[in-house]
Amino acid sequence: MEIHQVTHNLVLTSRLDNLGHLPVKVLRSVSGSRLVAVDPIGCKVGEWVFTIANSAARTASGDEKTLTDLTISGIIDNWVMD
């Protein structure tokens, strides 16, 4: 698991069937890199979240058939970045 901040909602006009219909968010890691993750919990821009990666991300998305390598799995309350 890693901690990221949600920076944008990503709108997809077309997607593969196996990507599902989950919202997609752009994230910024603590180190500053950018990532994209599916969001089954409905977080908002600016919130700090923790993510689950790799094959476990498919399970965390709620559907093992979802094609994802990164899933937002929880919202962190009162996170202050150093």
N, C-alpha and C. Protein backbone atom coordinates (compact mmCIF):
# COMPACT_ATOMS: atom_id res chain seq x y z
N MET A 1 0.84 -1.18 0.00
CA MET A 1 0.00 0.00 0.00
C MET A 1 0.88 1.24 0.00
N GLU A 2 0.39 2.27 -0.65
CA GLU A 2 1.08 3.56 -0.68
C GLU A 2 0.07 4.67 -0.48
N ILE A 3 0.57 5.84 -0.11
CA ILE A 3 -0.27 7.00 0.11
C ILE A 3 -0.12 7.95 -1.08
N HIS A 4 -1.26 8.46 -1.57
CA HIS A 4 -1.28 9.38 -2.70
C HIS A 4 -2.33 10.46 -2.44
N GLN A 5 -2.21 11.57 -3.19
CA GLN A 5 -3.24 12.61 -3.15
C GLN A 5 -3.94 12.65 -4.50
N VAL A 6 -5.26 12.75 -4.48
CA VAL A 6 -6.05 12.83 -5.71
C VAL A 6 -5.90 14.24 -6.28
N THR A 7 -5.47 14.34 -7.54
CA THR A 7 -5.28 15.66 -8.16
C THR A 7 -6.32 15.98 -9.22
N HIS A 8 -6.85 14.97 -9.91
CA HIS A 8 -7.81 15.21 -10.99
C HIS A 8 -8.74 14.01 -11.15
N ASN A 9 -9.91 14.30 -11.69
CA ASN A 9 -10.77 13.25 -12.21
C ASN A 9 -10.36 13.04 -13.66
N LEU A 10 -10.29 11.82 -14.11
CA LEU A 10 -9.92 11.53 -15.48
C LEU A 10 -11.17 11.04 -16.21
N VAL A 11 -11.56 11.75 -17.26
CA VAL A 11 -12.75 11.39 -18.03
C VAL A 11 -12.32 10.59 -19.25
N LEU A 12 -12.88 9.40 -19.38
CA LEU A 12 -12.57 8.53 -20.51
C LEU A 12 -13.77 8.47 -21.44
N THR A 13 -13.58 8.85 -22.69
CA THR A 13 -14.70 8.80 -23.65
C THR A 13 -14.91 7.41 -24.19
N SER A 14 -13.90 6.56 -24.08
CA SER A 14 -14.00 5.19 -24.54
C SER A 14 -13.08 4.34 -23.67
N ARG A 15 -13.49 3.12 -23.39
CA ARG A 15 -12.65 2.22 -22.59
C ARG A 15 -12.96 0.78 -22.91
N LEU A 16 -12.03 -0.10 -22.61
CA LEU A 16 -12.23 -1.53 -22.77
C LEU A 16 -13.34 -2.01 -21.85
N ASP A 17 -14.07 -3.03 -22.27
CA ASP A 17 -15.14 -3.57 -21.43
C ASP A 17 -14.63 -4.04 -20.08
N ASN A 18 -13.45 -4.65 -20.06
CA ASN A 18 -12.92 -5.19 -18.81
C ASN A 18 -12.33 -4.13 -17.89
N LEU A 19 -12.36 -2.86 -18.30
CA LEU A 19 -11.96 -1.80 -17.39
C LEU A 19 -13.11 -1.44 -16.45
N GLY A 20 -14.30 -1.89 -16.80
CA GLY A 20 -15.46 -1.63 -15.96
C GLY A 20 -15.93 -0.19 -16.10
N HIS A 21 -16.79 0.23 -15.19
CA HIS A 21 -17.34 1.58 -15.23
C HIS A 21 -16.98 2.37 -13.98
N LEU A 22 -15.88 2.00 -13.34
CA LEU A 22 -15.44 2.72 -12.15
C LEU A 22 -14.83 4.07 -12.54
N PRO A 23 -15.00 5.09 -11.68
CA PRO A 23 -14.32 6.37 -11.95
C PRO A 23 -12.81 6.17 -11.94
N VAL A 24 -12.12 7.01 -12.68
CA VAL A 24 -10.66 6.94 -12.77
C VAL A 24 -10.10 8.27 -12.26
N LYS A 25 -9.08 8.21 -11.42
CA LYS A 25 -8.50 9.41 -10.82
C LYS A 25 -7.01 9.49 -11.11
N VAL A 26 -6.50 10.72 -11.24
CA VAL A 26 -5.07 10.97 -11.35
C VAL A 26 -4.57 11.25 -9.94
N LEU A 27 -3.47 10.60 -9.57
CA LEU A 27 -2.92 10.72 -8.23
C LEU A 27 -1.50 11.27 -8.27
N ARG A 28 -1.09 11.91 -7.19
CA ARG A 28 0.28 12.35 -7.01
C ARG A 28 0.83 11.62 -5.80
N SER A 29 1.97 10.97 -5.97
CA SER A 29 2.58 10.26 -4.85
C SER A 29 3.30 11.25 -3.94
N VAL A 30 3.69 10.79 -2.79
CA VAL A 30 4.41 11.63 -1.84
C VAL A 30 5.71 12.13 -2.47
N SER A 31 6.32 11.33 -3.34
CA SER A 31 7.57 11.72 -4.00
C SER A 31 7.34 12.65 -5.20
N GLY A 32 6.07 12.83 -5.61
CA GLY A 32 5.74 13.74 -6.70
C GLY A 32 5.40 13.10 -8.02
N SER A 33 5.53 11.78 -8.15
CA SER A 33 5.20 11.13 -9.42
C SER A 33 3.68 11.07 -9.61
N ARG A 34 3.25 10.95 -10.85
CA ARG A 34 1.82 10.88 -11.18
C ARG A 34 1.43 9.46 -11.54
N LEU A 35 0.23 9.06 -11.10
CA LEU A 35 -0.29 7.73 -11.37
C LEU A 35 -1.77 7.84 -11.68
N VAL A 36 -2.32 6.79 -12.24
CA VAL A 36 -3.76 6.72 -12.51
C VAL A 36 -4.30 5.47 -11.83
N ALA A 37 -5.47 5.61 -11.17
CA ALA A 37 -6.06 4.49 -10.44
C ALA A 37 -7.58 4.49 -10.62
N VAL A 38 -8.17 3.30 -10.53
CA VAL A 38 -9.63 3.22 -10.48
C VAL A 38 -10.07 3.54 -9.06
N ASP A 39 -11.30 4.07 -8.95
CA ASP A 39 -11.79 4.57 -7.66
C ASP A 39 -13.15 3.96 -7.31
N PRO A 40 -13.18 2.81 -6.66
CA PRO A 40 -14.46 2.20 -6.30
C PRO A 40 -15.11 2.83 -5.07
N ILE A 41 -14.42 3.73 -4.37
CA ILE A 41 -14.98 4.29 -3.13
C ILE A 41 -15.51 5.71 -3.26
N GLY A 42 -15.20 6.40 -4.35
CA GLY A 42 -15.75 7.73 -4.58
C GLY A 42 -15.04 8.85 -3.85
N CYS A 43 -13.73 8.92 -3.96
CA CYS A 43 -12.99 10.00 -3.30
C CYS A 43 -13.04 11.28 -4.13
N LYS A 44 -12.65 12.39 -3.50
CA LYS A 44 -12.71 13.70 -4.14
C LYS A 44 -11.31 14.25 -4.37
N VAL A 45 -11.21 15.19 -5.30
CA VAL A 45 -9.95 15.86 -5.59
C VAL A 45 -9.45 16.53 -4.31
N GLY A 46 -8.16 16.35 -4.02
CA GLY A 46 -7.54 16.94 -2.83
C GLY A 46 -7.42 15.98 -1.67
N GLU A 47 -8.19 14.91 -1.68
CA GLU A 47 -8.13 13.95 -0.57
C GLU A 47 -6.89 13.08 -0.66
N TRP A 48 -6.40 12.69 0.50
CA TRP A 48 -5.29 11.74 0.60
C TRP A 48 -5.89 10.35 0.70
N VAL A 49 -5.32 9.42 -0.06
CA VAL A 49 -5.87 8.06 -0.12
C VAL A 49 -4.73 7.05 -0.03
N PHE A 50 -5.09 5.81 0.29
CA PHE A 50 -4.09 4.76 0.15
C PHE A 50 -4.55 3.84 -0.98
N THR A 51 -3.56 3.27 -1.65
CA THR A 51 -3.84 2.47 -2.83
C THR A 51 -3.26 1.07 -2.68
N ILE A 52 -3.84 0.17 -3.43
CA ILE A 52 -3.36 -1.20 -3.51
C ILE A 52 -2.96 -1.45 -4.96
N ALA A 53 -1.78 -2.04 -5.16
CA ALA A 53 -1.22 -2.19 -6.50
C ALA A 53 -1.13 -3.65 -6.94
N ASN A 54 -0.82 -3.81 -8.22
CA ASN A 54 -0.54 -5.09 -8.86
C ASN A 54 -1.77 -5.99 -8.89
N SER A 55 -1.62 -7.28 -8.78
CA SER A 55 -2.76 -8.19 -8.92
C SER A 55 -3.78 -8.01 -7.79
N ALA A 56 -3.35 -7.57 -6.62
CA ALA A 56 -4.30 -7.32 -5.52
C ALA A 56 -5.22 -6.15 -5.84
N ALA A 57 -4.81 -5.27 -6.76
CA ALA A 57 -5.65 -4.13 -7.15
C ALA A 57 -6.93 -4.60 -7.81
N ARG A 58 -6.87 -5.71 -8.51
CA ARG A 58 -8.08 -6.24 -9.16
C ARG A 58 -9.09 -6.70 -8.12
N THR A 59 -8.62 -7.36 -7.09
CA THR A 59 -9.50 -7.79 -6.01
C THR A 59 -10.07 -6.57 -5.29
N ALA A 60 -9.23 -5.59 -5.03
CA ALA A 60 -9.66 -4.38 -4.30
C ALA A 60 -10.69 -3.57 -5.10
N SER A 61 -10.69 -3.71 -6.42
CA SER A 61 -11.65 -2.96 -7.24
C SER A 61 -13.07 -3.48 -7.10
N GLY A 62 -13.20 -4.69 -6.57
CA GLY A 62 -14.53 -5.28 -6.40
C GLY A 62 -14.88 -6.30 -7.46
N ASP A 63 -14.05 -6.41 -8.48
CA ASP A 63 -14.30 -7.37 -9.55
C ASP A 63 -12.95 -7.88 -10.06
N GLU A 64 -12.69 -9.15 -9.88
CA GLU A 64 -11.42 -9.75 -10.26
C GLU A 64 -11.12 -9.61 -11.75
N LYS A 65 -12.15 -9.35 -12.57
CA LYS A 65 -11.95 -9.23 -14.01
C LYS A 65 -11.56 -7.81 -14.45
N THR A 66 -11.61 -6.86 -13.54
CA THR A 66 -11.26 -5.48 -13.87
C THR A 66 -9.78 -5.38 -14.22
N LEU A 67 -9.49 -4.76 -15.36
CA LEU A 67 -8.10 -4.59 -15.79
C LEU A 67 -7.52 -3.34 -15.12
N THR A 68 -6.86 -3.54 -14.00
CA THR A 68 -6.23 -2.42 -13.31
C THR A 68 -5.01 -2.91 -12.54
N ASP A 69 -4.05 -2.03 -12.39
CA ASP A 69 -2.88 -2.32 -11.58
C ASP A 69 -2.81 -1.41 -10.36
N LEU A 70 -3.80 -0.50 -10.21
CA LEU A 70 -3.81 0.40 -9.06
C LEU A 70 -5.25 0.75 -8.71
N THR A 71 -5.63 0.52 -7.46
CA THR A 71 -6.98 0.79 -6.99
C THR A 71 -6.93 1.62 -5.72
N ILE A 72 -7.74 2.67 -5.67
CA ILE A 72 -7.88 3.46 -4.44
C ILE A 72 -8.70 2.63 -3.47
N SER A 73 -8.18 2.45 -2.25
CA SER A 73 -8.82 1.54 -1.31
C SER A 73 -9.29 2.19 -0.02
N GLY A 74 -8.94 3.43 0.22
CA GLY A 74 -9.39 4.10 1.42
C GLY A 74 -9.02 5.57 1.41
N ILE A 75 -9.81 6.38 2.11
CA ILE A 75 -9.55 7.81 2.27
C ILE A 75 -8.92 8.03 3.63
N ILE A 76 -7.86 8.81 3.67
CA ILE A 76 -7.16 9.08 4.92
C ILE A 76 -7.65 10.42 5.48
N ASP A 77 -8.14 10.42 6.70
CA ASP A 77 -8.57 11.64 7.36
C ASP A 77 -7.40 12.29 8.08
N ASN A 78 -7.33 13.61 8.02
CA ASN A 78 -6.34 14.40 8.77
C ASN A 78 -4.91 14.06 8.45
N TRP A 79 -4.58 13.79 7.20
CA TRP A 79 -3.19 13.51 6.79
C TRP A 79 -2.47 14.83 6.55
N VAL A 80 -1.34 15.00 7.18
CA VAL A 80 -0.51 16.19 6.97
C VAL A 80 0.81 15.72 6.39
N MET A 81 1.13 16.22 5.19
CA MET A 81 2.38 15.83 4.56
C MET A 81 3.53 16.59 5.18
N ASP A 82 4.65 15.91 5.43
CA ASP A 82 5.82 16.57 6.01
C ASP A 82 6.37 17.63 5.09
